[in-house]
Protein backbone atom coordinates (compact mmCIF):
# COMPACT_ATOMS: atom_id res chain seq x y z
CA MET A 1 -126.49 -122.66 -0.76
CA THR A 2 -127.02 -120.46 -3.33
CA LYS A 3 -130.58 -118.72 -2.77
CA ARG A 4 -133.16 -119.87 -6.37
CA LYS A 5 -134.65 -117.40 -7.94
CA ASP A 6 -138.71 -117.53 -8.29
CA SER A 7 -138.76 -118.27 -11.42
CA GLN A 8 -136.42 -121.36 -11.06
CA ALA A 9 -138.53 -122.33 -7.88
CA ALA A 10 -141.58 -122.40 -10.24
CA LYS A 11 -139.62 -125.41 -12.28
CA PRO A 12 -136.76 -126.63 -10.60
CA GLN A 13 -134.01 -127.88 -12.20
CA LYS A 14 -133.04 -131.21 -10.44
CA SER A 15 -128.95 -130.26 -9.19
CA LYS A 16 -127.14 -133.33 -8.17
CA LEU A 17 -125.15 -132.29 -5.71
CA LEU A 18 -126.33 -130.53 -2.28
CA ARG A 19 -125.10 -129.58 0.95
CA LEU A 20 -126.61 -129.21 4.06
CA PRO A 21 -125.54 -128.15 7.69
CA ALA A 22 -126.22 -131.12 10.15
CA ILE A 23 -126.30 -132.34 13.64
CA ASN A 24 -124.66 -136.09 13.81
CA CYS A 25 -126.83 -138.01 16.91
CA LYS A 26 -127.42 -141.44 18.06
CA MET A 27 -130.09 -143.05 20.26
CA GLY A 28 -130.09 -146.60 20.94
CA ASP A 29 -128.48 -148.62 18.44
CA ARG A 30 -129.82 -145.65 15.64
CA SER A 31 -127.20 -143.25 14.26
CA TYR A 32 -129.25 -140.41 12.29
CA LEU A 33 -128.40 -137.03 10.94
CA LEU A 34 -130.72 -133.56 12.00
CA ILE A 35 -130.83 -131.33 9.16
CA ALA A 36 -132.76 -128.28 7.72
CA MET A 37 -134.14 -129.25 4.07
CA SER A 38 -136.20 -126.61 1.80
CA PHE A 39 -139.52 -127.49 0.27
CA HIS A 40 -137.90 -127.09 -3.09
CA ASP A 41 -135.33 -129.81 -2.08
CA ILE A 42 -138.36 -132.21 -0.64
CA ALA A 43 -140.61 -131.92 -3.01
CA GLU A 44 -137.24 -132.62 -5.83
CA ARG A 45 -135.74 -135.60 -3.55
CA ILE A 46 -138.04 -137.09 -1.50
CA VAL A 47 -140.33 -139.81 -2.62
CA GLU A 48 -143.85 -141.20 -1.00
CA ASP A 49 -143.60 -145.02 -2.62
CA VAL A 50 -143.99 -147.23 0.03
CA ARG A 51 -142.91 -149.84 -2.46
CA ILE A 52 -139.01 -148.90 -1.51
CA ILE A 53 -139.18 -150.82 1.64
CA HIS A 54 -141.96 -153.79 0.69
CA LYS A 55 -141.42 -156.54 -1.62
CA SER A 56 -144.91 -157.46 -2.33
CA GLU A 57 -146.22 -155.02 -5.06
CA LYS A 58 -149.78 -155.60 -3.89
CA LEU A 59 -149.02 -154.87 -0.32
CA SER A 60 -147.24 -151.72 -1.01
CA LEU A 61 -150.25 -150.84 -3.31
CA TRP A 62 -152.88 -151.55 -0.52
CA ILE A 63 -150.48 -149.49 2.10
CA GLN A 64 -150.47 -146.46 -0.37
CA ARG A 65 -154.14 -146.32 -0.65
CA HIS A 66 -154.57 -145.99 3.00
CA LEU A 67 -152.35 -142.76 2.73
CA LYS A 68 -155.53 -140.29 2.78
CA ARG A 69 -154.74 -138.25 -0.22
CA ASP A 70 -157.60 -135.75 1.31
CA HIS A 71 -155.45 -135.42 4.42
CA ALA A 72 -152.34 -134.18 2.09
CA LYS A 73 -155.16 -131.59 0.57
CA ARG A 74 -155.43 -130.13 3.86
CA ILE A 75 -151.81 -129.89 4.56
CA ALA A 76 -151.13 -127.90 1.46
CA GLN A 77 -153.91 -125.55 2.42
CA TYR A 78 -153.00 -124.89 5.61
CA LEU A 79 -149.30 -124.18 4.26
CA THR A 80 -150.93 -121.72 1.33
CA THR A 81 -153.14 -120.15 4.09
CA ASP A 82 -151.83 -119.88 7.72
CA GLU A 83 -149.14 -117.65 8.46
CA SER A 84 -148.18 -119.68 11.62
CA ARG A 85 -147.56 -122.97 9.82
CA PHE A 86 -144.87 -125.44 11.34
CA PHE A 87 -144.44 -128.70 11.04
CA ASN A 88 -142.51 -131.18 13.25
CA ALA A 89 -139.63 -133.27 11.92
CA LEU A 90 -139.80 -135.51 8.92
CA VAL A 91 -138.27 -138.75 9.01
CA VAL A 92 -136.24 -139.80 5.87
CA GLY A 93 -134.58 -143.31 5.23
CA VAL A 94 -131.48 -142.89 2.76
CA TYR A 95 -130.24 -145.73 0.74
CA GLY A 96 -128.97 -146.35 -2.54
CA ASP A 97 -126.08 -144.39 -1.99
CA ASP A 98 -124.67 -142.91 1.27
CA PRO A 99 -124.51 -138.93 1.42
CA LEU A 100 -120.94 -137.53 2.55
CA TRP A 101 -120.59 -136.39 6.38
CA SER A 102 -117.97 -133.76 6.79
CA GLU A 103 -116.83 -132.46 10.14
CA LEU A 104 -116.83 -128.55 10.93
CA THR A 105 -114.29 -127.35 12.98
CA VAL A 106 -115.59 -125.42 15.72
CA THR A 107 -113.64 -122.76 17.61
CA ASP A 108 -114.34 -120.63 20.63
CA PRO A 109 -113.37 -116.88 20.18
CA ASN A 110 -113.95 -116.46 24.16
CA GLU A 111 -112.04 -119.56 24.45
CA GLN A 112 -114.68 -121.03 27.29
CA LEU A 113 -115.23 -124.49 25.59
CA THR A 114 -113.30 -127.21 27.40
CA GLU A 115 -110.76 -129.64 25.13
CA ASP A 116 -113.68 -132.39 25.61
CA GLU A 117 -116.54 -129.86 24.64
CA ALA A 118 -114.76 -128.66 21.67
CA ASP A 119 -113.94 -132.72 20.64
CA ARG A 120 -117.77 -133.19 21.12
CA LEU A 121 -119.34 -130.27 18.89
CA THR A 122 -116.85 -130.56 16.01
CA ALA A 123 -117.72 -134.64 16.22
CA SER A 124 -121.32 -133.55 15.96
CA VAL A 125 -121.50 -130.47 13.69
CA GLY A 126 -120.76 -130.89 10.17
CA ILE A 127 -121.92 -130.54 6.33
CA VAL A 128 -124.11 -133.71 4.73
CA SER A 129 -123.49 -133.38 1.09
CA PHE A 130 -125.84 -135.05 -1.24
CA SER A 131 -124.48 -136.39 -4.46
CA GLY A 132 -128.07 -136.75 -6.43
CA LYS A 133 -127.57 -140.61 -6.57
CA GLU A 134 -129.24 -141.43 -3.26
CA LYS A 135 -132.80 -142.53 -2.64
CA LEU A 136 -134.79 -140.58 -0.09
CA PHE A 137 -138.61 -141.85 1.03
CA ALA A 138 -140.58 -140.42 3.86
CA ILE A 139 -140.57 -142.82 6.62
CA ASP A 140 -142.74 -140.85 9.29
CA GLY A 141 -144.12 -138.13 7.16
CA GLN A 142 -145.85 -139.04 3.81
CA HIS A 143 -148.88 -136.80 4.17
CA ARG A 144 -146.80 -134.19 5.18
CA VAL A 145 -144.31 -134.46 2.15
CA SER A 146 -147.29 -134.67 -0.53
CA GLY A 147 -148.64 -131.59 1.29
CA ILE A 148 -145.46 -129.47 0.82
CA LYS A 149 -145.38 -130.90 -3.12
CA GLN A 150 -149.03 -129.63 -3.77
CA ALA A 151 -148.14 -126.03 -1.61
CA ILE A 152 -145.27 -125.06 -3.92
CA ALA A 153 -147.16 -126.13 -7.19
CA GLU A 154 -149.88 -123.64 -5.83
CA ASN A 155 -147.56 -121.23 -4.64
CA SER A 156 -143.81 -121.34 -5.79
CA GLU A 157 -142.89 -118.55 -3.20
CA LEU A 158 -142.89 -121.49 -0.46
CA SER A 159 -140.43 -123.47 -2.36
CA GLN A 160 -137.37 -121.84 0.30
CA GLU A 161 -139.36 -122.61 3.52
CA GLN A 162 -137.66 -125.13 5.39
CA VAL A 163 -138.73 -128.07 7.57
CA SER A 164 -136.56 -130.08 9.61
CA VAL A 165 -135.51 -133.37 8.72
CA ILE A 166 -134.45 -136.83 10.49
CA LEU A 167 -132.45 -138.50 8.16
CA VAL A 168 -131.90 -142.35 8.79
CA GLY A 169 -129.87 -144.82 7.31
CA HIS A 170 -131.85 -148.05 5.29
CA ALA A 171 -129.72 -151.04 3.97
CA ASN A 172 -131.76 -152.58 1.14
CA ASN A 173 -131.54 -156.36 2.30
CA ALA A 174 -134.24 -158.30 4.28
CA SER A 175 -132.64 -157.24 7.57
CA GLY A 176 -132.75 -153.65 6.28
CA LEU A 177 -136.42 -153.47 4.93
CA GLU A 178 -137.36 -155.24 8.37
CA ARG A 179 -135.79 -152.55 10.43
CA THR A 180 -136.89 -149.71 8.54
CA ARG A 181 -140.62 -151.23 8.21
CA ARG A 182 -140.72 -151.46 12.44
CA LEU A 183 -139.82 -147.80 12.42
CA PHE A 184 -142.28 -147.19 10.28
CA VAL A 185 -144.89 -148.96 12.32
CA THR A 186 -143.23 -147.34 15.40
CA LEU A 187 -143.56 -143.70 14.10
CA ASN A 188 -146.98 -144.02 12.34
CA GLN A 189 -148.88 -146.20 14.66
CA LYS A 190 -147.48 -146.23 18.34
CA ALA A 191 -147.07 -142.26 18.62
CA ARG A 192 -149.12 -141.18 21.28
CA ARG A 193 -152.56 -139.70 20.46
CA VAL A 194 -153.34 -136.30 21.42
CA SER A 195 -155.94 -136.29 23.80
CA GLU A 196 -159.36 -134.28 23.44
CA ALA A 197 -158.89 -132.53 26.27
CA ASP A 198 -155.29 -131.33 25.00
CA ILE A 199 -157.20 -130.05 21.83
CA VAL A 200 -159.56 -127.94 24.09
CA ALA A 201 -157.25 -126.65 26.02
CA LEU A 202 -154.48 -126.22 23.57
CA ASP A 203 -155.79 -126.37 20.13
CA GLU A 204 -156.32 -122.37 18.48
CA ASP A 205 -157.05 -123.83 14.98
CA ASN A 206 -160.17 -125.93 16.15
CA GLY A 207 -162.81 -123.50 16.10
CA PHE A 208 -164.70 -125.52 18.34
CA ALA A 209 -162.00 -126.00 21.05
CA ALA A 210 -161.14 -122.21 20.89
CA ILE A 211 -165.02 -121.07 21.24
CA ALA A 212 -165.21 -123.72 24.28
CA ARG A 213 -162.62 -121.78 26.05
CA ARG A 214 -163.99 -118.29 24.47
CA ILE A 215 -167.72 -119.22 26.58
CA ILE A 216 -165.70 -120.04 29.92
CA ASP A 217 -163.60 -116.57 29.42
CA GLU A 218 -166.16 -114.34 28.86
CA GLY A 219 -168.74 -115.31 31.45
CA ALA A 220 -171.66 -114.80 29.05
CA VAL A 221 -173.65 -118.18 29.84
CA PHE A 222 -171.75 -119.03 33.08
CA PRO A 223 -171.38 -116.36 35.36
CA ARG A 224 -168.96 -118.34 37.41
CA GLU A 225 -166.19 -120.36 36.70
CA GLU A 226 -167.26 -123.14 39.15
CA LEU A 227 -170.10 -123.65 37.10
CA VAL A 228 -168.28 -125.55 34.24
CA ALA A 229 -165.99 -128.58 35.34
CA LEU A 230 -162.30 -128.45 34.18
CA SER A 231 -162.10 -132.08 33.92
CA SER A 232 -160.24 -134.13 31.59
CA SER A 233 -163.78 -135.98 30.57
CA ALA A 234 -166.84 -135.44 29.65
CA ALA A 235 -168.56 -136.78 32.35
CA ILE A 236 -168.54 -134.13 35.74
CA PRO A 237 -166.92 -135.88 38.44
CA ARG A 238 -168.88 -136.85 41.41
CA SER A 239 -167.00 -135.14 43.79
CA ASN A 240 -167.98 -131.99 42.06
CA SER A 241 -170.97 -129.99 43.58
CA LYS A 242 -171.28 -127.10 41.43
CA ALA A 243 -170.65 -127.49 38.06
CA VAL A 244 -173.71 -127.68 35.46
CA THR A 245 -171.32 -128.95 32.20
CA SER A 246 -167.51 -129.86 31.71
CA ILE A 247 -165.24 -128.21 29.07
CA LEU A 248 -165.33 -131.29 27.13
CA GLY A 249 -168.69 -131.39 27.59
CA LEU A 250 -169.14 -127.99 26.49
CA TYR A 251 -166.89 -128.63 23.33
CA GLN A 252 -169.13 -131.53 22.33
CA ILE A 253 -172.30 -129.34 22.52
CA LEU A 254 -170.51 -126.85 20.09
CA LYS A 255 -170.16 -129.51 17.56
CA ASP A 256 -173.60 -131.00 18.08
CA LEU A 257 -175.19 -127.40 17.62
CA TYR A 258 -173.11 -126.90 14.62
CA PRO A 259 -175.37 -126.91 11.52
CA LYS A 260 -174.89 -129.95 9.54
CA SER A 261 -176.83 -129.14 6.17
CA LYS A 262 -174.72 -127.62 3.70
CA GLY A 263 -174.97 -123.64 3.55
CA CYS A 264 -172.67 -120.34 3.39
CA ARG A 265 -171.04 -121.52 6.82
CA PRO A 266 -167.62 -123.57 6.56
CA ALA A 267 -167.91 -127.21 6.38
CA TYR A 268 -168.03 -129.29 10.07
CA GLY A 269 -164.72 -130.55 9.12
CA SER A 270 -162.68 -127.48 8.42
CA VAL A 271 -163.77 -125.89 11.38
CA MET A 272 -162.26 -128.90 13.39
CA ARG A 273 -159.22 -128.56 11.10
CA THR A 274 -158.59 -125.09 10.37
CA ARG A 275 -159.31 -122.08 12.21
CA PRO A 276 -162.58 -120.15 10.89
CA SER A 277 -162.80 -116.36 10.30
CA LYS A 278 -163.82 -114.10 12.97
CA ALA A 279 -167.10 -114.09 11.50
CA SER A 280 -167.76 -117.89 11.63
CA LEU A 281 -166.20 -118.18 15.12
CA ASP A 282 -168.84 -115.27 16.42
CA ASP A 283 -171.31 -117.28 14.82
CA ILE A 284 -170.61 -120.34 16.67
CA TYR A 285 -170.23 -118.66 19.89
CA ASP A 286 -173.65 -116.58 19.33
CA ARG A 287 -175.50 -119.81 19.06
CA ALA A 288 -174.18 -121.56 21.71
CA VAL A 289 -175.06 -118.43 23.76
CA ARG A 290 -178.59 -118.53 22.56
CA PHE A 291 -178.95 -122.19 23.09
CA TRP A 292 -177.63 -121.89 26.88
CA ARG A 293 -179.54 -118.84 27.64
CA ALA A 294 -182.57 -120.36 26.16
CA LEU A 295 -181.96 -123.01 28.50
CA VAL A 296 -182.21 -121.05 31.93
CA VAL A 297 -184.93 -119.47 30.61
CA THR A 298 -186.80 -122.09 29.58
CA ALA A 299 -185.91 -124.38 33.04
CA PRO A 300 -186.39 -123.25 36.17
CA GLU A 301 -183.57 -125.46 37.98
CA TYR A 302 -181.26 -124.16 35.72
CA ARG A 303 -182.49 -120.25 36.73
CA LYS A 304 -181.74 -121.26 40.37
CA VAL A 305 -178.14 -122.89 39.95
CA VAL A 306 -177.10 -120.51 37.20
CA ILE A 307 -178.24 -117.19 37.63
CA GLY A 308 -179.83 -117.33 41.32
CA GLY A 309 -177.04 -119.56 42.83
CA SER A 310 -179.27 -120.60 45.71
CA VAL A 311 -178.94 -124.29 44.78
CA ASP A 312 -175.86 -126.41 43.84
CA ALA A 313 -175.91 -128.55 40.64
CA ILE A 314 -175.52 -131.69 42.33
CA THR A 315 -179.12 -131.35 43.69
CA TYR A 316 -180.39 -132.05 40.68
CA ARG A 317 -177.58 -134.97 39.97
CA SER A 318 -178.93 -136.86 43.14
CA PRO A 319 -180.20 -140.74 43.07
CA THR A 320 -184.14 -139.07 43.55
CA ARG A 321 -183.66 -136.02 40.98
CA ASN A 322 -181.58 -137.48 38.31
CA HIS A 323 -182.16 -134.13 35.77
CA LEU A 324 -181.50 -134.56 32.20
CA LEU A 325 -180.44 -131.16 31.93
CA PHE A 326 -177.71 -131.67 34.45
CA ARG A 327 -175.46 -134.44 32.12
CA PRO A 328 -173.43 -133.35 29.75
CA VAL A 329 -175.09 -136.59 28.09
CA GLY A 330 -178.63 -135.45 28.64
CA GLN A 331 -177.40 -131.75 27.12
CA ARG A 332 -175.75 -133.10 23.99
CA ALA A 333 -179.23 -135.14 23.35
CA MET A 334 -180.91 -131.52 23.77
CA ALA A 335 -178.29 -129.64 21.59
CA ARG A 336 -178.71 -132.29 18.85
CA ALA A 337 -182.73 -131.75 18.94
CA THR A 338 -182.23 -128.31 19.01
CA GLU A 339 -180.21 -128.35 15.75
CA CYS A 340 -182.30 -130.54 13.75
CA LEU A 341 -184.87 -127.82 14.48
CA THR A 342 -182.69 -125.04 13.26
CA SER A 343 -182.31 -126.92 10.20
CA ARG A 344 -185.86 -127.02 9.88
CA GLY A 345 -186.31 -123.25 10.13
CA VAL A 346 -187.15 -123.20 14.02
CA GLN A 347 -185.48 -120.29 16.10
CA ILE A 348 -182.92 -121.87 18.64
CA GLU A 349 -185.39 -120.53 21.90
CA ASN A 350 -188.21 -121.81 20.16
CA ALA A 351 -186.44 -125.15 19.74
CA VAL A 352 -185.22 -125.64 23.54
CA GLU A 353 -188.63 -124.27 24.67
CA MET A 354 -190.40 -126.95 22.76
CA LEU A 355 -188.37 -129.76 23.38
CA VAL A 356 -187.89 -128.76 27.35
CA LYS A 357 -191.70 -128.53 27.86
CA ASN A 358 -193.28 -131.53 26.53
CA THR A 359 -190.35 -134.30 27.85
CA PRO A 360 -190.14 -135.01 31.28
CA MET A 361 -186.72 -133.64 32.37
CA SER A 362 -186.51 -136.72 35.37
CA LEU A 363 -184.09 -139.29 34.30
CA LEU A 364 -186.02 -141.62 36.67
CA ASP A 365 -189.07 -141.40 34.51
CA LYS A 366 -189.52 -144.86 32.44
CA GLN A 367 -189.13 -143.02 28.98
CA TRP A 368 -185.08 -142.66 29.93
CA SER A 369 -184.74 -146.38 31.13
CA SER A 370 -182.35 -148.16 28.37
CA ILE A 371 -181.63 -144.71 26.97
CA LEU A 372 -179.93 -142.33 29.36
CA TRP A 373 -180.43 -144.23 32.69
CA ASN A 374 -180.22 -147.88 33.58
CA PRO A 375 -182.84 -148.14 36.55
CA SER A 376 -180.81 -151.70 37.57
CA THR A 377 -177.56 -150.30 37.87
CA LYS A 378 -178.42 -146.59 38.43
CA THR A 379 -175.51 -145.77 35.91
CA MET A 380 -176.17 -143.40 33.39
CA LEU A 381 -176.24 -144.49 29.79
CA LYS A 382 -174.93 -142.99 26.43
CA ASP A 383 -177.37 -143.60 24.11
CA VAL A 384 -177.44 -139.81 22.67
CA ALA A 385 -179.22 -140.97 19.10
CA ALA A 386 -181.77 -142.57 20.82
CA ALA A 387 -182.21 -139.34 23.40
CA GLU A 388 -182.46 -136.71 20.73
CA THR A 389 -185.40 -138.50 18.60
CA LEU A 390 -187.35 -139.15 21.93
CA LEU A 391 -186.89 -135.53 22.59
CA LEU A 392 -188.02 -134.89 19.32
CA ARG A 393 -190.73 -137.50 19.28
CA ASN A 394 -192.28 -135.89 22.40
CA ALA A 395 -192.34 -132.70 20.78
CA ASP A 396 -194.36 -134.10 17.68
CA GLN A 397 -191.47 -133.59 15.60
CA ASN A 398 -190.41 -136.05 12.98
CA PRO A 399 -186.88 -137.73 13.77
CA ARG A 400 -183.28 -136.67 12.06
CA SER A 401 -183.69 -139.86 10.03
CA LYS A 402 -185.55 -143.07 9.09
CA SER A 403 -182.56 -145.21 10.84
CA ALA A 404 -182.95 -142.36 13.73
CA GLN A 405 -186.22 -143.72 14.63
CA GLU A 406 -185.58 -147.49 13.76
CA ARG A 407 -182.99 -147.13 16.68
CA LEU A 408 -185.44 -145.98 19.26
CA ASP A 409 -188.42 -148.09 18.31
CA SER A 410 -185.62 -151.02 18.96
CA VAL A 411 -184.98 -149.60 22.26
CA ILE A 412 -188.48 -149.18 22.90
CA ARG A 413 -189.40 -152.82 21.97
CA GLU A 414 -186.07 -154.45 24.24
CA LEU A 415 -187.71 -151.97 26.82
CA ASP A 416 -191.34 -153.69 26.89
CA ARG A 417 -190.28 -157.34 26.67
């Protein structure tokens, strides 16, 4: 395929004929082709309109509204700013005209292939030719297609970058429409959602996940790795006697500490999706270190466990000594209340001291009943928002909002009945 000049990429002229190398594959009762398409060809040939697979105009428009425009913008930003950009394959339906498949003859100069292997390769590897009469539409990857179109409109140099595409046939009749819709649902709704544990463990673009790992790696807060439970949930396993918090709890606390008010920092949502600058990551890290160090300074129980190591953390998660700061949900409430005060100009260290010294840290205290502790079942509760407001109220500080105060008042009224 002749490489286009940048000037042509900026204003693509639709060419009817397009030939691409392809692999012929089969799974279940579906045959499909695996190809690589340039961003230019994707933008030129693939439509996003779901009206192709739905007869009802109203239904199609309703579905189209549910395709998030902001998501496409974020994808475009990712493509234009991240040098390590990468996509998984788009799944594209084809109808209106069948692209032409041509086998390639596979030769083996070393004569190592068996006759069966050579036949199989010859049947699998070929050229797919598009006449320009085909109609291509995204079955899985609508947002990515839209993001690609936005990205090359902003930067034409991206036009010749490629992404893998899976081509599946689509019959434009009742059974064909049903079959394609079923595939659409399978790919868009039944795919396994990435767990929060996977994000914290692997995601390099999520700033909070990156800093959670850094806190553990550098040991500036927790001098011994045993102090952080590396579990798949925020709760600390009952069998773990050493951990003060968990890696998922640490991740959630980083999010709770992040300033919610708009300023010069990247927006909260942006930190979750696009790796921030080193300066921004350092700011998130420094806030977290200051918060945890302030807890060690202010809470004597923390000093015994974190610094001295003379007492195990489980001592403060026992039925008789259930300490707020040794429960990830209590740590989250403290982090949220701290962020609320820092947004009002209070230093992190002063905020932590104010909150810790004015509220009973024992969850067995009546104040925590029906908020973080159920005295009847002797189990933890998770009303983090009400716990935050209680911490602020006890420190003689205003709640985050009127609705937050109303929420706490409602819990207290239920408790007094």
